[in-house]
Amino acid sequence: MDTEWFAIDAEGNVALFDSAETGAVPFDAASDASTVGANFDVNLLTALRVSRLLEQGVELPVEREAALDPGHVLAVVDCDTQEAALTSVEHLGSFIPVGSRPPWVLVSRVPLAEPETRTLQSTESVLWVIELPTSLLYGLDADDGLYHYNHDYATDGLPPRYHRTQAPSTPLQIPEDLGALDERLRRVELELSFAETAHIDLNDHFTPSGLQTWGSKVPLTPEQQRRVDDFVHYTESETSPSLEQTLQSIEAHQETEAQERTATMRRNVRLLIAFGLLALLAALAKWRYG
């Protein structure tokens, strides 16, 4: 399904699971690519991961003057205190601070227009501005504070099986001031320790109906089911033609077209014969009377 989804273990640590094309994904997992896009505030989790990378001195592959589209952004601000960092950008709107030490990572609460993103880039205290959501962290071989698990069909075989590919030196835990993010991630809370578990089989934690794989049907919400039921009721009502009636109408139309084509061909043949006879008579008359 090519989906990144997240879960929390019994110790409150966060793991990222990469399903690749064939891996299973829990229906209720916080994901960056559910059937309707990201189903949680993935920007805040991205900010936490970026903050961890900066704490370790990782150089982000970001151009300071890169052109940005309007939308949510993440700003890396170099100030002594978090309060000073927020003050330096407050003229551009409200930001959520992430991290416990400089440089500070700030996430815009509302989308920014293009002029605002350019102004933010030119602010003296701002080191980088990054569009959100971002693929910056995808494939980045660095300690972002998360445990990483991958599904590899060639190695693990069945879709529910994942193997650990990366473990952090110090696991990232969601801070108390981001309680909504923590609550969403805990919708998939596994009764195990990521640190002690190199291989995870989701069958040990979910029923088959709780997992989705490539091509599986996603359960409908009550509102979606109501719309489906309304449509079915409409198509079965007397005011709506049945499938059989529709097919009969198509067949009748095709038969009429075939009859019209046959009649046209017959007229054309008769005309050709008439023109041929006239030409023959003209030739005979010329020969007979010179």
C-alpha atoms as a PDB file:
ATOM      1  CA  MET A   1       0.000   0.000   0.000  1.00  0.00           C
ATOM      2  CA  ASP A   2       3.105   2.212   0.162  1.00  0.00           C
ATOM      3  CA  THR A   3       1.972   3.686   3.469  1.00  0.00           C
ATOM      4  CA  GLU A   4       3.844   5.016   6.470  1.00  0.00           C
ATOM      5  CA  TRP A   5       1.879   4.428   9.654  1.00  0.00           C
ATOM      6  CA  PHE A   6       2.687   4.912  13.316  1.00  0.00           C
ATOM      7  CA  ALA A   7       2.155   3.098  16.593  1.00  0.00           C
ATOM      8  CA  ILE A   8       3.156   3.384  20.249  1.00  0.00           C
ATOM      9  CA  ASP A   9       4.509   0.582  22.428  1.00  0.00           C
ATOM     10  CA  ALA A  10       3.838  -0.208  26.080  1.00  0.00           C
ATOM     11  CA  GLU A  11       6.638   2.191  27.100  1.00  0.00           C
ATOM     12  CA  GLY A  12       5.215   5.172  25.187  1.00  0.00           C
ATOM     13  CA  ASN A  13       7.819   5.041  22.401  1.00  0.00           C
ATOM     14  CA  VAL A  14       6.852   5.784  18.793  1.00  0.00           C
ATOM     15  CA  ALA A  15       7.558   3.597  15.771  1.00  0.00           C
ATOM     16  CA  LEU A  16       7.192   4.232  12.066  1.00  0.00           C
ATOM     17  CA  PHE A  17       6.073   1.293   9.926  1.00  0.00           C
ATOM     18  CA  ASP A  18       6.689   1.311   6.160  1.00  0.00           C
ATOM     19  CA  SER A  19       4.255  -1.091   4.506  1.00  0.00           C
ATOM     20  CA  ALA A  20       5.829  -0.975   1.009  1.00  0.00           C
ATOM     21  CA  GLU A  21       3.304  -2.272  -1.556  1.00  0.00           C
ATOM     22  CA  THR A  22       2.247  -5.504   0.112  1.00  0.00           C
ATOM     23  CA  GLY A  23       2.397  -4.864   3.863  1.00  0.00           C
ATOM     24  CA  ALA A  24      -0.698  -4.875   6.061  1.00  0.00           C
ATOM     25  CA  VAL A  25      -1.833  -1.685   7.816  1.00  0.00           C
ATOM     26  CA  PRO A  26      -4.206  -1.478  10.822  1.00  0.00           C
ATOM     27  CA  PHE A  27      -7.416   0.290   9.829  1.00  0.00           C
ATOM     28  CA  ASP A  28      -7.238   2.715  12.738  1.00  0.00           C
ATOM     29  CA  ALA A  29      -3.517   3.500  12.522  1.00  0.00           C
ATOM     30  CA  ALA A  30      -2.303   7.091  12.372  1.00  0.00           C
ATOM     31  CA  SER A  31      -1.123   7.272   8.778  1.00  0.00           C
ATOM     32  CA  ASP A  32       0.273   9.788   6.326  1.00  0.00           C
ATOM     33  CA  ALA A  33      -1.544   8.206   3.396  1.00  0.00           C
ATOM     34  CA  SER A  34      -4.897   6.759   4.347  1.00  0.00           C
ATOM     35  CA  THR A  35      -7.719   6.561   1.833  1.00  0.00           C
ATOM     36  CA  VAL A  36      -8.407  10.267   2.396  1.00  0.00           C
ATOM     37  CA  GLY A  37      -4.854  11.471   2.985  1.00  0.00           C
ATOM     38  CA  ALA A  38      -3.150  11.945   6.352  1.00  0.00           C
ATOM     39  CA  ASN A  39      -5.614  11.134   9.143  1.00  0.00           C
ATOM     40  CA  PHE A  40      -3.789  12.997  11.918  1.00  0.00           C
ATOM     41  CA  ASP A  41      -1.568  16.062  12.372  1.00  0.00           C
ATOM     42  CA  VAL A  42       1.515  14.545  10.796  1.00  0.00           C
ATOM     43  CA  ASN A  43       3.138  18.008  10.723  1.00  0.00           C
ATOM     44  CA  LEU A  44       3.635  17.992  14.489  1.00  0.00           C
ATOM     45  CA  LEU A  45       5.260  14.572  14.424  1.00  0.00           C
ATOM     46  CA  THR A  46       7.489  15.735  11.564  1.00  0.00           C
ATOM     47  CA  ALA A  47       8.501  18.756  13.676  1.00  0.00           C
ATOM     48  CA  LEU A  48       9.427  16.506  16.611  1.00  0.00           C
ATOM     49  CA  ARG A  49      11.567  14.350  14.340  1.00  0.00           C
ATOM     50  CA  VAL A  50      13.284  17.392  12.803  1.00  0.00           C
ATOM     51  CA  SER A  51      13.962  18.781  16.287  1.00  0.00           C
ATOM     52  CA  ARG A  52      15.628  15.509  17.279  1.00  0.00           C
ATOM     53  CA  LEU A  53      17.825  15.587  14.149  1.00  0.00           C
ATOM     54  CA  LEU A  54      18.890  19.162  14.862  1.00  0.00           C
ATOM     55  CA  GLU A  55      19.781  18.262  18.455  1.00  0.00           C
ATOM     56  CA  GLN A  56      22.219  15.738  17.027  1.00  0.00           C
ATOM     57  CA  GLY A  57      23.745  18.246  14.629  1.00  0.00           C
ATOM     58  CA  VAL A  58      22.325  16.686  11.477  1.00  0.00           C
ATOM     59  CA  GLU A  59      22.534  19.056   8.506  1.00  0.00           C
ATOM     60  CA  LEU A  60      19.134  19.189   6.844  1.00  0.00           C
ATOM     61  CA  PRO A  61      19.134  18.973   3.030  1.00  0.00           C
ATOM     62  CA  VAL A  62      17.202  22.237   2.672  1.00  0.00           C
ATOM     63  CA  GLU A  63      17.971  25.342   0.586  1.00  0.00           C
ATOM     64  CA  ARG A  64      17.474  28.547   2.561  1.00  0.00           C
ATOM     65  CA  GLU A  65      16.055  30.459  -0.407  1.00  0.00           C
ATOM     66  CA  ALA A  66      14.050  27.592  -1.943  1.00  0.00           C
ATOM     67  CA  ALA A  67      10.756  28.677  -3.506  1.00  0.00           C
ATOM     68  CA  LEU A  68       7.803  27.673  -1.341  1.00  0.00           C
ATOM     69  CA  ASP A  69       4.142  27.164  -2.139  1.00  0.00           C
ATOM     70  CA  PRO A  70       1.457  28.679   0.114  1.00  0.00           C
ATOM     71  CA  GLY A  71       0.465  26.438   3.024  1.00  0.00           C
ATOM     72  CA  HIS A  72       1.639  25.179   6.390  1.00  0.00           C
ATOM     73  CA  VAL A  73       5.358  25.512   7.052  1.00  0.00           C
ATOM     74  CA  LEU A  74       7.974  24.467   9.565  1.00  0.00           C
ATOM     75  CA  ALA A  75      10.495  27.124  10.583  1.00  0.00           C
ATOM     76  CA  VAL A  76      13.858  26.453  12.246  1.00  0.00           C
ATOM     77  CA  VAL A  77      14.681  29.512  14.366  1.00  0.00           C
ATOM     78  CA  ASP A  78      18.022  30.290  16.025  1.00  0.00           C
ATOM     79  CA  CYS A  79      17.269  32.180  19.280  1.00  0.00           C
ATOM     80  CA  ASP A  80      18.416  31.722  22.858  1.00  0.00           C
ATOM     81  CA  THR A  81      14.939  31.004  24.199  1.00  0.00           C
ATOM     82  CA  GLN A  82      11.711  29.588  22.866  1.00  0.00           C
ATOM     83  CA  GLU A  83       9.919  32.816  23.781  1.00  0.00           C
ATOM     84  CA  ALA A  84      12.391  34.850  21.734  1.00  0.00           C
ATOM     85  CA  ALA A  85      11.924  32.495  18.780  1.00  0.00           C
ATOM     86  CA  LEU A  86       8.144  32.942  18.864  1.00  0.00           C
ATOM     87  CA  THR A  87       8.491  36.730  19.227  1.00  0.00           C
ATOM     88  CA  SER A  88      10.760  36.919  16.164  1.00  0.00           C
ATOM     89  CA  VAL A  89       8.041  35.494  13.895  1.00  0.00           C
ATOM     90  CA  GLU A  90       4.842  36.643  15.631  1.00  0.00           C
ATOM     91  CA  HIS A  91       4.237  39.295  12.943  1.00  0.00           C
ATOM     92  CA  LEU A  92       3.584  36.426  10.516  1.00  0.00           C
ATOM     93  CA  GLY A  93       1.009  34.585  12.597  1.00  0.00           C
ATOM     94  CA  SER A  94       0.749  31.978  15.330  1.00  0.00           C
ATOM     95  CA  PHE A  95       3.193  29.076  15.591  1.00  0.00           C
ATOM     96  CA  ILE A  96       3.378  25.896  17.692  1.00  0.00           C
ATOM     97  CA  PRO A  97       6.813  25.476  19.317  1.00  0.00           C
ATOM     98  CA  VAL A  98       8.407  22.023  19.318  1.00  0.00           C
ATOM     99  CA  GLY A  99      11.588  20.875  21.011  1.00  0.00           C
ATOM    100  CA  SER A 100      13.413  21.620  24.259  1.00  0.00           C
ATOM    101  CA  ARG A 101      16.549  23.411  23.081  1.00  0.00           C
ATOM    102  CA  PRO A 102      17.710  25.703  20.244  1.00  0.00           C
ATOM    103  CA  PRO A 103      17.496  25.857  17.351  1.00  0.00           C
ATOM    104  CA  TRP A 104      13.747  25.942  17.867  1.00  0.00           C
ATOM    105  CA  VAL A 105      11.301  24.251  15.526  1.00  0.00           C
ATOM    106  CA  LEU A 106       8.016  26.138  14.945  1.00  0.00           C
ATOM    107  CA  VAL A 107       4.961  24.884  13.048  1.00  0.00           C
ATOM    108  CA  SER A 108       2.477  27.371  11.600  1.00  0.00           C
ATOM    109  CA  ARG A 109      -1.019  26.980  13.048  1.00  0.00           C
ATOM    110  CA  VAL A 110      -2.640  28.219   9.833  1.00  0.00           C
ATOM    111  CA  PRO A 111      -1.496  28.141   6.187  1.00  0.00           C
ATOM    112  CA  LEU A 112       0.748  31.025   5.129  1.00  0.00           C
ATOM    113  CA  ALA A 113       0.418  32.951   1.862  1.00  0.00           C
ATOM    114  CA  GLU A 114       3.388  33.157  -0.507  1.00  0.00           C
ATOM    115  CA  PRO A 115       4.426  36.693   0.573  1.00  0.00           C
ATOM    116  CA  GLU A 116       4.430  35.543   4.206  1.00  0.00           C
ATOM    117  CA  THR A 117       6.632  32.533   3.465  1.00  0.00           C
ATOM    118  CA  ARG A 118       9.118  34.801   1.652  1.00  0.00           C
ATOM    119  CA  THR A 119       9.146  37.222   4.579  1.00  0.00           C
ATOM    120  CA  LEU A 120       9.685  34.314   6.965  1.00  0.00           C
ATOM    121  CA  GLN A 121      12.650  33.117   4.902  1.00  0.00           C
ATOM    122  CA  SER A 122      14.238  36.560   5.029  1.00  0.00           C
ATOM    123  CA  THR A 123      13.794  36.926   8.811  1.00  0.00           C
ATOM    124  CA  GLU A 124      17.236  37.159  10.419  1.00  0.00           C
ATOM    125  CA  SER A 125      16.647  34.561  13.121  1.00  0.00           C
ATOM    126  CA  VAL A 126      15.205  31.959  10.739  1.00  0.00           C
ATOM    127  CA  LEU A 127      17.639  29.320   9.484  1.00  0.00           C
ATOM    128  CA  TRP A 128      15.287  27.277   7.289  1.00  0.00           C
ATOM    129  CA  VAL A 129      11.666  27.218   6.211  1.00  0.00           C
ATOM    130  CA  ILE A 130      10.241  23.877   5.089  1.00  0.00           C
ATOM    131  CA  GLU A 131       6.933  23.183   3.335  1.00  0.00           C
ATOM    132  CA  LEU A 132       4.526  20.840   5.108  1.00  0.00           C
ATOM    133  CA  PRO A 133       3.848  18.062   4.597  1.00  0.00           C
ATOM    134  CA  THR A 134       7.367  17.232   3.463  1.00  0.00           C
ATOM    135  CA  SER A 135       9.233  14.222   2.094  1.00  0.00           C
ATOM    136  CA  LEU A 136      12.434  15.580   3.674  1.00  0.00           C
ATOM    137  CA  LEU A 137      12.680  12.719   6.176  1.00  0.00           C
ATOM    138  CA  TYR A 138      11.847   9.914   3.771  1.00  0.00           C
ATOM    139  CA  GLY A 139      14.859   7.657   3.386  1.00  0.00           C
ATOM    140  CA  LEU A 140      17.022   9.926   5.553  1.00  0.00           C
ATOM    141  CA  ASP A 141      19.528   7.656   7.309  1.00  0.00           C
ATOM    142  CA  ALA A 142      19.673   9.426  10.675  1.00  0.00           C
ATOM    143  CA  ASP A 143      18.379   8.990  14.217  1.00  0.00           C
ATOM    144  CA  ASP A 144      15.024  10.804  14.328  1.00  0.00           C
ATOM    145  CA  GLY A 145      13.969   9.334  17.673  1.00  0.00           C
ATOM    146  CA  LEU A 146      11.605   6.758  16.159  1.00  0.00           C
ATOM    147  CA  TYR A 147      11.891   3.016  15.832  1.00  0.00           C
ATOM    148  CA  HIS A 148      11.606   2.037  12.174  1.00  0.00           C
ATOM    149  CA  TYR A 149      10.014  -1.157  10.876  1.00  0.00           C
ATOM    150  CA  ASN A 150       9.745  -2.224   7.233  1.00  0.00           C
ATOM    151  CA  HIS A 151       7.718  -4.843   5.448  1.00  0.00           C
ATOM    152  CA  ASP A 152       9.776  -6.753   2.914  1.00  0.00           C
ATOM    153  CA  TYR A 153       7.722  -9.342   1.072  1.00  0.00           C
ATOM    154  CA  ALA A 154      10.787 -11.178  -0.213  1.00  0.00           C
ATOM    155  CA  THR A 155      12.143 -11.549   3.348  1.00  0.00           C
ATOM    156  CA  ASP A 156       9.103 -11.691   5.598  1.00  0.00           C
ATOM    157  CA  GLY A 157       6.555 -13.252   3.296  1.00  0.00           C
ATOM    158  CA  LEU A 158       3.115 -12.571   4.756  1.00  0.00           C
ATOM    159  CA  PRO A 159       1.719  -8.985   4.753  1.00  0.00           C
ATOM    160  CA  PRO A 160       1.349  -8.668   8.573  1.00  0.00           C
ATOM    161  CA  ARG A 161       5.060  -9.267   9.229  1.00  0.00           C
ATOM    162  CA  TYR A 162       7.490  -6.392   9.797  1.00  0.00           C
ATOM    163  CA  HIS A 163      11.151  -6.288  10.808  1.00  0.00           C
ATOM    164  CA  ARG A 164      12.999  -3.521  12.645  1.00  0.00           C
ATOM    165  CA  THR A 165      15.524  -1.594  10.552  1.00  0.00           C
ATOM    166  CA  GLN A 166      16.455   1.240  12.921  1.00  0.00           C
ATOM    167  CA  ALA A 167      16.441   1.918  16.653  1.00  0.00           C
ATOM    168  CA  PRO A 168      17.034   5.353  18.235  1.00  0.00           C
ATOM    169  CA  SER A 169      19.736   6.028  20.798  1.00  0.00           C
ATOM    170  CA  THR A 170      17.103   7.778  22.927  1.00  0.00           C
ATOM    171  CA  PRO A 171      13.496   7.014  21.949  1.00  0.00           C
ATOM    172  CA  LEU A 172      11.242   9.974  21.213  1.00  0.00           C
ATOM    173  CA  GLN A 173       8.135  10.318  23.346  1.00  0.00           C
ATOM    174  CA  ILE A 174       5.287  12.739  22.699  1.00  0.00           C
ATOM    175  CA  PRO A 175       5.441  15.706  25.128  1.00  0.00           C
ATOM    176  CA  GLU A 176       2.477  16.445  27.369  1.00  0.00           C
ATOM    177  CA  ASP A 177       1.657  19.730  25.612  1.00  0.00           C
ATOM    178  CA  LEU A 178       0.927  17.745  22.406  1.00  0.00           C
ATOM    179  CA  GLY A 179      -1.676  15.537  24.056  1.00  0.00           C
ATOM    180  CA  ALA A 180      -3.946  15.378  20.996  1.00  0.00           C
ATOM    181  CA  LEU A 181      -1.103  13.940  18.920  1.00  0.00           C
ATOM    182  CA  ASP A 182      -0.309  11.381  21.613  1.00  0.00           C
ATOM    183  CA  GLU A 183      -3.961  10.355  21.836  1.00  0.00           C
ATOM    184  CA  ARG A 184      -4.191   9.827  18.066  1.00  0.00           C
ATOM    185  CA  LEU A 185      -1.019   7.749  17.920  1.00  0.00           C
ATOM    186  CA  ARG A 186      -2.267   5.583  20.787  1.00  0.00           C
ATOM    187  CA  ARG A 187      -5.168   4.359  18.669  1.00  0.00           C
ATOM    188  CA  VAL A 188      -2.638   1.639  17.777  1.00  0.00           C
ATOM    189  CA  GLU A 189      -0.819   0.810  21.005  1.00  0.00           C
ATOM    190  CA  LEU A 190       1.059  -2.495  20.902  1.00  0.00           C
ATOM    191  CA  GLU A 191       1.602  -4.460  24.106  1.00  0.00           C
ATOM    192  CA  LEU A 192       5.324  -4.945  23.576  1.00  0.00           C
ATOM    193  CA  SER A 193       8.617  -3.071  23.711  1.00  0.00           C
ATOM    194  CA  PHE A 194      10.007  -1.877  20.390  1.00  0.00           C
ATOM    195  CA  ALA A 195      13.492  -1.984  21.920  1.00  0.00           C
ATOM    196  CA  GLU A 196      13.147  -5.700  22.615  1.00  0.00           C
ATOM    197  CA  THR A 197      11.182  -6.687  19.499  1.00  0.00           C
ATOM    198  CA  ALA A 198      13.055  -7.017  16.216  1.00  0.00           C
ATOM    199  CA  HIS A 199      10.178  -8.712  14.383  1.00  0.00           C
ATOM    200  CA  ILE A 200       6.479  -7.932  14.686  1.00  0.00           C
ATOM    201  CA  ASP A 201       3.625 -10.047  13.333  1.00  0.00           C
ATOM    202  CA  LEU A 202       0.450  -7.956  13.325  1.00  0.00           C
ATOM    203  CA  ASN A 203      -1.610 -11.153  13.500  1.00  0.00           C
ATOM    204  CA  ASP A 204      -0.539 -11.343  17.137  1.00  0.00           C
ATOM    205  CA  HIS A 205      -2.232  -7.999  17.848  1.00  0.00           C
ATOM    206  CA  PHE A 206      -5.140  -7.704  15.385  1.00  0.00           C
ATOM    207  CA  THR A 207      -7.855  -9.840  13.865  1.00  0.00           C
ATOM    208  CA  PRO A 208      -7.744 -10.196  10.055  1.00  0.00           C
ATOM    209  CA  SER A 209     -10.706  -7.810   9.773  1.00  0.00           C
ATOM    210  CA  GLY A 210      -8.670  -5.143  11.596  1.00  0.00           C
ATOM    211  CA  LEU A 211      -5.992  -5.056   8.898  1.00  0.00           C
ATOM    212  CA  GLN A 212      -6.059  -3.690   5.381  1.00  0.00           C
ATOM    213  CA  THR A 213      -3.798  -4.703   2.522  1.00  0.00           C
ATOM    214  CA  TRP A 214      -3.489  -3.766  -1.141  1.00  0.00           C
ATOM    215  CA  GLY A 215      -6.946  -3.989  -2.699  1.00  0.00           C
ATOM    216  CA  SER A 216      -8.801  -4.597   0.563  1.00  0.00           C
ATOM    217  CA  LYS A 217     -12.056  -2.795   1.225  1.00  0.00           C
ATOM    218  CA  VAL A 218     -12.002   0.060   3.717  1.00  0.00           C
ATOM    219  CA  PRO A 219     -14.982   0.148   6.141  1.00  0.00           C
ATOM    220  CA  LEU A 220     -17.372   2.994   5.433  1.00  0.00           C
ATOM    221  CA  THR A 221     -18.237   5.643   7.979  1.00  0.00           C
ATOM    222  CA  PRO A 222     -21.943   5.847   8.952  1.00  0.00           C
ATOM    223  CA  GLU A 223     -22.364   8.926   6.724  1.00  0.00           C
ATOM    224  CA  GLN A 224     -20.707   7.195   3.739  1.00  0.00           C
ATOM    225  CA  GLN A 225     -22.885   4.108   4.275  1.00  0.00           C
ATOM    226  CA  ARG A 226     -26.007   6.304   4.375  1.00  0.00           C
ATOM    227  CA  ARG A 227     -25.094   7.831   1.019  1.00  0.00           C
ATOM    228  CA  VAL A 228     -24.512   4.389  -0.484  1.00  0.00           C
ATOM    229  CA  ASP A 229     -27.888   3.194   0.844  1.00  0.00           C
ATOM    230  CA  ASP A 230     -29.624   6.291  -0.574  1.00  0.00           C
ATOM    231  CA  PHE A 231     -28.075   5.668  -3.983  1.00  0.00           C
ATOM    232  CA  VAL A 232     -29.072   2.006  -3.973  1.00  0.00           C
ATOM    233  CA  HIS A 233     -32.622   2.978  -2.984  1.00  0.00           C
ATOM    234  CA  TYR A 234     -32.753   5.489  -5.848  1.00  0.00           C
ATOM    235  CA  THR A 235     -31.506   3.011  -8.439  1.00  0.00           C
ATOM    236  CA  GLU A 236     -34.099   0.461  -7.298  1.00  0.00           C
ATOM    237  CA  SER A 237     -37.012   2.919  -7.266  1.00  0.00           C
ATOM    238  CA  GLU A 238     -39.688   3.063  -9.968  1.00  0.00           C
ATOM    239  CA  THR A 239     -38.465   6.466 -11.153  1.00  0.00           C
ATOM    240  CA  SER A 240     -35.096   5.002 -12.021  1.00  0.00           C
ATOM    241  CA  PRO A 241     -34.707   2.523 -14.918  1.00  0.00           C
ATOM    242  CA  SER A 242     -33.521  -0.913 -13.903  1.00  0.00           C
ATOM    243  CA  LEU A 243     -30.390  -2.449 -15.373  1.00  0.00           C
ATOM    244  CA  GLU A 244     -32.524  -4.757 -17.517  1.00  0.00           C
ATOM    245  CA  GLN A 245     -34.516  -1.824 -18.896  1.00  0.00           C
ATOM    246  CA  THR A 246     -31.319   0.068 -19.650  1.00  0.00           C
ATOM    247  CA  LEU A 247     -29.874  -2.913 -21.555  1.00  0.00           C
ATOM    248  CA  GLN A 248     -33.113  -3.331 -23.509  1.00  0.00           C
ATOM    249  CA  SER A 249     -33.023   0.353 -24.466  1.00  0.00           C
ATOM    250  CA  ILE A 250     -29.423   0.037 -25.662  1.00  0.00           C
ATOM    251  CA  GLU A 251     -30.231  -3.088 -27.699  1.00  0.00           C
ATOM    252  CA  ALA A 252     -33.258  -1.394 -29.309  1.00  0.00           C
ATOM    253  CA  HIS A 253     -31.152   1.644 -30.224  1.00  0.00           C
ATOM    254  CA  GLN A 254     -28.452  -0.547 -31.737  1.00  0.00           C
ATOM    255  CA  GLU A 255     -31.058  -2.502 -33.748  1.00  0.00           C
ATOM    256  CA  THR A 256     -32.549   0.743 -35.123  1.00  0.00           C
ATOM    257  CA  GLU A 257     -29.112   1.971 -36.173  1.00  0.00           C
ATOM    258  CA  ALA A 258     -28.396  -1.355 -37.912  1.00  0.00           C
ATOM    259  CA  GLN A 259     -31.684  -1.160 -39.839  1.00  0.00           C
ATOM    260  CA  GLU A 260     -30.926   2.413 -40.930  1.00  0.00           C
ATOM    261  CA  ARG A 261     -27.458   1.419 -42.137  1.00  0.00           C
ATOM    262  CA  THR A 262     -28.928  -1.504 -44.143  1.00  0.00           C
ATOM    263  CA  ALA A 263     -31.552   0.729 -45.776  1.00  0.00           C
ATOM    264  CA  THR A 264     -28.889   3.293 -46.710  1.00  0.00           C
ATOM    265  CA  MET A 265     -26.694   0.612 -48.288  1.00  0.00           C
ATOM    266  CA  ARG A 266     -29.618  -0.680 -50.356  1.00  0.00           C
ATOM    267  CA  ARG A 267     -30.413   2.824 -51.668  1.00  0.00           C
ATOM    268  CA  ASN A 268     -26.795   3.332 -52.628  1.00  0.00           C
ATOM    269  CA  VAL A 269     -26.700   0.008 -54.515  1.00  0.00           C
ATOM    270  CA  ARG A 270     -29.867   0.872 -56.433  1.00  0.00           C
ATOM    271  CA  LEU A 271     -28.422   4.251 -57.406  1.00  0.00           C
ATOM    272  CA  LEU A 272     -25.201   2.652 -58.625  1.00  0.00           C
ATOM    273  CA  ILE A 273     -27.167   0.177 -60.764  1.00  0.00           C
ATOM    274  CA  ALA A 274     -29.295   2.986 -62.244  1.00  0.00           C
ATOM    275  CA  PHE A 275     -26.229   5.083 -63.101  1.00  0.00           C
ATOM    276  CA  GLY A 276     -24.594   2.021 -64.675  1.00  0.00           C
ATOM    277  CA  LEU A 277     -27.630   1.315 -66.869  1.00  0.00           C
ATOM    278  CA  LEU A 278     -27.807   4.948 -68.034  1.00  0.00           C
ATOM    279  CA  ALA A 279     -24.144   4.863 -68.973  1.00  0.00           C
ATOM    280  CA  LEU A 280     -24.666   1.612 -70.910  1.00  0.00           C
ATOM    281  CA  LEU A 281     -27.657   2.998 -72.794  1.00  0.00           C
ATOM    282  CA  ALA A 282     -25.705   6.121 -73.727  1.00  0.00           C
ATOM    283  CA  ALA A 283     -22.847   4.002 -75.075  1.00  0.00           C
ATOM    284  CA  LEU A 284     -25.241   1.831 -77.145  1.00  0.00           C
ATOM    285  CA  ALA A 285     -26.969   4.891 -78.605  1.00  0.00           C
ATOM    286  CA  LYS A 286     -23.654   6.408 -79.646  1.00  0.00           C
ATOM    287  CA  TRP A 287     -22.599   3.155 -81.309  1.00  0.00           C
ATOM    288  CA  ARG A 288     -25.972   2.688 -83.087  1.00  0.00           C
ATOM    289  CA  TYR A 289     -26.356   6.190 -84.444  1.00  0.00           C
ATOM    290  CA  GLY A 290     -22.744   7.126 -84.745  1.00  0.00           C
END
